[in-house]
């Protein structure tokens, strides 16, 4: 069965569950995904915020 990307629920869902869901999909610690997302957001002058909201709209709930 293929892996599917879903929004995280429970303890991995800090804010909307996007980073937690990506971390579950990639099988890495959610803190690492959050830190990378923050760094990329700062480096891209805030584009990561728009990408985060877009990901929240696209990634399905479990």
PDB file of N, CA and C in Angstrom:
ATOM      1  N   UNK A   1       0.838  -1.177   0.000  1.00  0.00           N
ATOM      2  CA  UNK A   1       0.000   0.000   0.000  1.00  0.00           C
ATOM      3  C   UNK A   1       0.891   1.251   0.000  1.00  0.00           C
ATOM      4  N   UNK A   2       0.567   2.196  -0.828  1.00  0.00           N
ATOM      5  CA  UNK A   2       1.357   3.417  -0.960  1.00  0.00           C
ATOM      6  C   UNK A   2       1.112   4.347   0.223  1.00  0.00           C
ATOM      7  N   UNK A   3       2.149   5.101   0.585  1.00  0.00           N
ATOM      8  CA  UNK A   3       2.009   6.091   1.650  1.00  0.00           C
ATOM      9  C   UNK A   3       1.187   7.261   1.132  1.00  0.00           C
ATOM     10  N   UNK A   4       0.368   7.823   2.020  1.00  0.00           N
ATOM     11  CA  UNK A   4      -0.443   8.977   1.661  1.00  0.00           C
ATOM     12  C   UNK A   4      -0.117  10.126   2.602  1.00  0.00           C
ATOM     13  N   UNK A   5      -0.179  11.318   2.089  1.00  0.00           N
ATOM     14  CA  UNK A   5       0.082  12.518   2.873  1.00  0.00           C
ATOM     15  C   UNK A   5      -1.238  13.043   3.420  1.00  0.00           C
ATOM     16  N   UNK A   6      -1.297  13.182   4.748  1.00  0.00           N
ATOM     17  CA  UNK A   6      -2.478  13.722   5.424  1.00  0.00           C
ATOM     18  C   UNK A   6      -2.035  14.793   6.406  1.00  0.00           C
ATOM     19  N   UNK A   7      -2.966  15.663   6.796  1.00  0.00           N
ATOM     20  CA  UNK A   7      -2.699  16.605   7.866  1.00  0.00           C
ATOM     21  C   UNK A   7      -2.545  15.816   9.161  1.00  0.00           C
ATOM     22  N   UNK A   8      -1.641  16.250  10.010  1.00  0.00           N
ATOM     23  CA  UNK A   8      -1.404  15.563  11.276  1.00  0.00           C
ATOM     24  C   UNK A   8      -2.531  15.863  12.256  1.00  0.00           C
ATOM     25  N   UNK A   9      -2.736  14.924  13.155  1.00  0.00           N
ATOM     26  CA  UNK A   9      -3.693  15.112  14.241  1.00  0.00           C
ATOM     27  C   UNK A   9      -2.991  14.791  15.550  1.00  0.00           C
ATOM     28  N   UNK A  10      -3.561  15.220  16.638  1.00  0.00           N
ATOM     29  CA  UNK A  10      -2.991  14.906  17.947  1.00  0.00           C
ATOM     30  C   UNK A  10      -1.771  15.732  18.268  1.00  0.00           C
ATOM     31  N   UNK A  11      -0.765  15.076  18.859  1.00  0.00           N
ATOM     32  CA  UNK A  11       0.402  15.810  19.361  1.00  0.00           C
ATOM     33  C   UNK A  11       1.289  16.365  18.255  1.00  0.00           C
ATOM     34  N   UNK A  12       1.221  15.846  17.036  1.00  0.00           N
ATOM     35  CA  UNK A  12       2.036  16.351  15.930  1.00  0.00           C
ATOM     36  C   UNK A  12       1.432  17.573  15.254  1.00  0.00           C
ATOM     37  N   UNK A  13       0.201  17.901  15.574  1.00  0.00           N
ATOM     38  CA  UNK A  13      -0.484  19.025  14.933  1.00  0.00           C
ATOM     39  C   UNK A  13      -0.395  20.262  15.821  1.00  0.00           C
ATOM     40  N   UNK A  14       0.631  21.057  15.657  1.00  0.00           N
ATOM     41  CA  UNK A  14       0.784  22.275  16.449  1.00  0.00           C
ATOM     42  C   UNK A  14      -0.068  23.409  15.882  1.00  0.00           C
ATOM     43  N   UNK A  15       0.019  23.637  14.600  1.00  0.00           N
ATOM     44  CA  UNK A  15      -0.758  24.694  13.954  1.00  0.00           C
ATOM     45  C   UNK A  15      -1.247  24.173  12.613  1.00  0.00           C
ATOM     46  N   UNK A  16      -2.464  23.774  12.542  1.00  0.00           N
ATOM     47  CA  UNK A  16      -3.144  23.255  11.355  1.00  0.00           C
ATOM     48  C   UNK A  16      -2.660  21.870  10.910  1.00  0.00           C
ATOM     49  N   UNK A  17      -1.525  21.399  11.341  1.00  0.00           N
ATOM     50  CA  UNK A  17      -1.080  20.044  11.066  1.00  0.00           C
ATOM     51  C   UNK A  17      -0.296  19.817   9.790  1.00  0.00           C
ATOM     52  N   UNK A  18       0.096  20.882   9.110  1.00  0.00           N
ATOM     53  CA  UNK A  18       0.811  20.726   7.840  1.00  0.00           C
ATOM     54  C   UNK A  18       2.206  20.138   8.052  1.00  0.00           C
ATOM     55  N   UNK A  19       3.008  20.763   8.894  1.00  0.00           N
ATOM     56  CA  UNK A  19       4.380  20.270   9.123  1.00  0.00           C
ATOM     57  C   UNK A  19       4.375  18.899   9.773  1.00  0.00           C
ATOM     58  N   UNK A  20       3.444  18.668  10.695  1.00  0.00           N
ATOM     59  CA  UNK A  20       3.336  17.357  11.324  1.00  0.00           C
ATOM     60  C   UNK A  20       2.986  16.276  10.328  1.00  0.00           C
ATOM     61  N   UNK A  21       2.097  16.585   9.400  1.00  0.00           N
ATOM     62  CA  UNK A  21       1.726  15.623   8.362  1.00  0.00           C
ATOM     63  C   UNK A  21       2.874  15.332   7.418  1.00  0.00           C
ATOM     64  N   UNK A  22       3.621  16.352   7.054  1.00  0.00           N
ATOM     65  CA  UNK A  22       4.790  16.154   6.192  1.00  0.00           C
ATOM     66  C   UNK A  22       5.834  15.318   6.920  1.00  0.00           C
ATOM     67  N   UNK A  23       6.012  15.582   8.215  1.00  0.00           N
ATOM     68  CA  UNK A  23       6.975  14.818   9.004  1.00  0.00           C
ATOM     69  C   UNK A  23       6.564  13.346   9.101  1.00  0.00           C
ATOM     70  N   UNK A  24       5.277  13.080   9.299  1.00  0.00           N
ATOM     71  CA  UNK A  24       4.802  11.691   9.337  1.00  0.00           C
ATOM     72  C   UNK A  24       5.036  11.010   7.995  1.00  0.00           C
ATOM     73  N   UNK A  25       4.782  11.725   6.918  1.00  0.00           N
ATOM     74  CA  UNK A  25       4.968  11.157   5.584  1.00  0.00           C
ATOM     75  C   UNK A  25       6.430  10.826   5.317  1.00  0.00           C
ATOM     76  N   UNK A  26       7.322  11.738   5.717  1.00  0.00           N
ATOM     77  CA  UNK A  26       8.758  11.551   5.484  1.00  0.00           C
ATOM     78  C   UNK A  26       9.425  10.723   6.581  1.00  0.00           C
ATOM     79  N   UNK A  27       8.691  10.413   7.636  1.00  0.00           N
ATOM     80  CA  UNK A  27       9.185   9.637   8.777  1.00  0.00           C
ATOM     81  C   UNK A  27      10.384  10.322   9.439  1.00  0.00           C
ATOM     82  N   UNK A  28      10.221  11.624   9.706  1.00  0.00           N
ATOM     83  CA  UNK A  28      11.230  12.398  10.422  1.00  0.00           C
ATOM     84  C   UNK A  28      10.551  13.112  11.590  1.00  0.00           C
ATOM     85  N   UNK A  29      11.345  13.717  12.457  1.00  0.00           N
ATOM     86  CA  UNK A  29      10.820  14.451  13.598  1.00  0.00           C
ATOM     87  C   UNK A  29      10.103  15.723  13.115  1.00  0.00           C
ATOM     88  N   UNK A  30       8.901  15.994  13.613  1.00  0.00           N
ATOM     89  CA  UNK A  30       8.163  17.193  13.184  1.00  0.00           C
ATOM     90  C   UNK A  30       8.901  18.499  13.478  1.00  0.00           C
ATOM     91  N   UNK A  31       9.713  18.519  14.526  1.00  0.00           N
ATOM     92  CA  UNK A  31      10.465  19.736  14.859  1.00  0.00           C
ATOM     93  C   UNK A  31      11.434  20.104  13.740  1.00  0.00           C
ATOM     94  N   UNK A  32      12.032  19.118  13.122  1.00  0.00           N
ATOM     95  CA  UNK A  32      12.959  19.373  12.011  1.00  0.00           C
ATOM     96  C   UNK A  32      12.215  20.004  10.846  1.00  0.00           C
ATOM     97  N   UNK A  33      11.045  19.470  10.529  1.00  0.00           N
ATOM     98  CA  UNK A  33      10.255  20.014   9.411  1.00  0.00           C
ATOM     99  C   UNK A  33       9.835  21.446   9.727  1.00  0.00           C
ATOM    100  N   UNK A  34       9.430  21.699  10.962  1.00  0.00           N
ATOM    101  CA  UNK A  34       9.028  23.061  11.345  1.00  0.00           C
ATOM    102  C   UNK A  34      10.191  24.048  11.250  1.00  0.00           C
ATOM    103  N   UNK A  35      11.359  23.633  11.721  1.00  0.00           N
ATOM    104  CA  UNK A  35      12.528  24.515  11.642  1.00  0.00           C
ATOM    105  C   UNK A  35      12.926  24.810  10.196  1.00  0.00           C
ATOM    106  N   UNK A  36      12.919  23.792   9.359  1.00  0.00           N
ATOM    107  CA  UNK A  36      13.241  23.988   7.942  1.00  0.00           C
ATOM    108  C   UNK A  36      12.220  24.919   7.304  1.00  0.00           C
ATOM    109  N   UNK A  37      10.937  24.729   7.632  1.00  0.00           N
ATOM    110  CA  UNK A  37       9.882  25.579   7.066  1.00  0.00           C
ATOM    111  C   UNK A  37      10.084  27.031   7.493  1.00  0.00           C
ATOM    112  N   UNK A  38      10.425  27.265   8.753  1.00  0.00           N
ATOM    113  CA  UNK A  38      10.645  28.623   9.247  1.00  0.00           C
ATOM    114  C   UNK A  38      11.845  29.258   8.552  1.00  0.00           C
ATOM    115  N   UNK A  39      12.924  28.513   8.417  1.00  0.00           N
ATOM    116  CA  UNK A  39      14.120  29.038   7.748  1.00  0.00           C
ATOM    117  C   UNK A  39      13.818  29.388   6.300  1.00  0.00           C
ATOM    118  N   UNK A  40      13.107  28.508   5.608  1.00  0.00           N
ATOM    119  CA  UNK A  40      12.755  28.791   4.208  1.00  0.00           C
ATOM    120  C   UNK A  40      11.798  29.981   4.103  1.00  0.00           C
ATOM    121  N   UNK A  41      10.903  30.126   5.062  1.00  0.00           N
ATOM    122  CA  UNK A  41       9.988  31.269   5.062  1.00  0.00           C
ATOM    123  C   UNK A  41      10.752  32.581   5.236  1.00  0.00           C
ATOM    124  N   UNK A  42      11.689  32.589   6.163  1.00  0.00           N
ATOM    125  CA  UNK A  42      12.486  33.801   6.369  1.00  0.00           C
ATOM    126  C   UNK A  42      13.373  34.100   5.164  1.00  0.00           C
ATOM    127  N   UNK A  43      13.921  33.062   4.549  1.00  0.00           N
ATOM    128  CA  UNK A  43      14.800  33.247   3.392  1.00  0.00           C
ATOM    129  C   UNK A  43      14.031  33.700   2.149  1.00  0.00           C
ATOM    130  N   UNK A  44      12.746  33.367   2.101  1.00  0.00           N
ATOM    131  CA  UNK A  44      11.951  33.716   0.919  1.00  0.00           C
ATOM    132  C   UNK A  44      11.060  34.931   1.163  1.00  0.00           C
ATOM    133  N   UNK A  45      11.390  35.716   2.190  1.00  0.00           N
ATOM    134  CA  UNK A  45      10.656  36.946   2.493  1.00  0.00           C
ATOM    135  C   UNK A  45       9.167  36.696   2.727  1.00  0.00           C
ATOM    136  N   UNK A  46       8.828  35.592   3.402  1.00  0.00           N
ATOM    137  CA  UNK A  46       7.449  35.328   3.779  1.00  0.00           C
ATOM    138  C   UNK A  46       6.659  34.462   2.831  1.00  0.00           C
ATOM    139  N   UNK A  47       7.241  34.025   1.739  1.00  0.00           N
ATOM    140  CA  UNK A  47       6.508  33.188   0.795  1.00  0.00           C
ATOM    141  C   UNK A  47       6.059  31.878   1.449  1.00  0.00           C
ATOM    142  N   UNK A  48       6.788  31.414   2.448  1.00  0.00           N
ATOM    143  CA  UNK A  48       6.447  30.171   3.140  1.00  0.00           C
ATOM    144  C   UNK A  48       5.095  30.229   3.823  1.00  0.00           C
ATOM    145  N   UNK A  49       4.670  31.417   4.241  1.00  0.00           N
ATOM    146  CA  UNK A  49       3.350  31.560   4.861  1.00  0.00           C
ATOM    147  C   UNK A  49       2.265  31.248   3.846  1.00  0.00           C
ATOM    148  N   UNK A  50       2.395  31.788   2.649  1.00  0.00           N
ATOM    149  CA  UNK A  50       1.436  31.505   1.583  1.00  0.00           C
ATOM    150  C   UNK A  50       1.472  30.025   1.208  1.00  0.00           C
ATOM    151  N   UNK A  51       2.669  29.461   1.124  1.00  0.00           N
ATOM    152  CA  UNK A  51       2.806  28.040   0.799  1.00  0.00           C
ATOM    153  C   UNK A  51       2.178  27.169   1.884  1.00  0.00           C
ATOM    154  N   UNK A  52       2.320  27.573   3.151  1.00  0.00           N
ATOM    155  CA  UNK A  52       1.742  26.823   4.266  1.00  0.00           C
ATOM    156  C   UNK A  52       0.219  26.806   4.164  1.00  0.00           C
ATOM    157  N   UNK A  53      -0.374  27.955   3.906  1.00  0.00           N
ATOM    158  CA  UNK A  53      -1.829  28.038   3.775  1.00  0.00           C
ATOM    159  C   UNK A  53      -2.324  27.263   2.561  1.00  0.00           C
ATOM    160  N   UNK A  54      -1.568  27.307   1.486  1.00  0.00           N
ATOM    161  CA  UNK A  54      -1.916  26.536   0.298  1.00  0.00           C
ATOM    162  C   UNK A  54      -1.834  25.037   0.579  1.00  0.00           C
ATOM    163  N   UNK A  55      -0.795  24.620   1.285  1.00  0.00           N
ATOM    164  CA  UNK A  55      -0.659  23.211   1.656  1.00  0.00           C
ATOM    165  C   UNK A  55      -1.806  22.782   2.546  1.00  0.00           C
ATOM    166  N   UNK A  56      -2.227  23.641   3.468  1.00  0.00           N
ATOM    167  CA  UNK A  56      -3.348  23.317   4.337  1.00  0.00           C
ATOM    168  C   UNK A  56      -4.639  23.128   3.535  1.00  0.00           C
ATOM    169  N   UNK A  57      -4.806  23.918   2.493  1.00  0.00           N
ATOM    170  CA  UNK A  57      -5.996  23.816   1.662  1.00  0.00           C
ATOM    171  C   UNK A  57      -5.984  22.570   0.789  1.00  0.00           C
ATOM    172  N   UNK A  58      -4.792  22.092   0.416  1.00  0.00           N
ATOM    173  CA  UNK A  58      -4.677  20.978  -0.519  1.00  0.00           C
ATOM    174  C   UNK A  58      -4.587  19.618   0.168  1.00  0.00           C
ATOM    175  N   UNK A  59      -3.829  19.529   1.264  1.00  0.00           N
ATOM    176  CA  UNK A  59      -3.613  18.240   1.938  1.00  0.00           C
ATOM    177  C   UNK A  59      -4.889  17.819   2.656  1.00  0.00           C
ATOM    178  N   UNK A  60      -5.374  16.609   2.405  1.00  0.00           N
ATOM    179  CA  UNK A  60      -6.626  16.159   3.035  1.00  0.00           C
ATOM    180  C   UNK A  60      -6.444  15.775   4.488  1.00  0.00           C
ATOM    181  N   UNK A  61      -7.562  15.820   5.210  1.00  0.00           N
ATOM    182  CA  UNK A  61      -7.578  15.320   6.587  1.00  0.00           C
ATOM    183  C   UNK A  61      -7.680  13.792   6.544  1.00  0.00           C
ATOM    184  N   UNK A  62      -7.214  13.151   7.589  1.00  0.00           N
ATOM    185  CA  UNK A  62      -7.274  11.693   7.661  1.00  0.00           C
ATOM    186  C   UNK A  62      -8.691  11.219   7.814  1.00  0.00           C
TER     187      UNK A  62
END
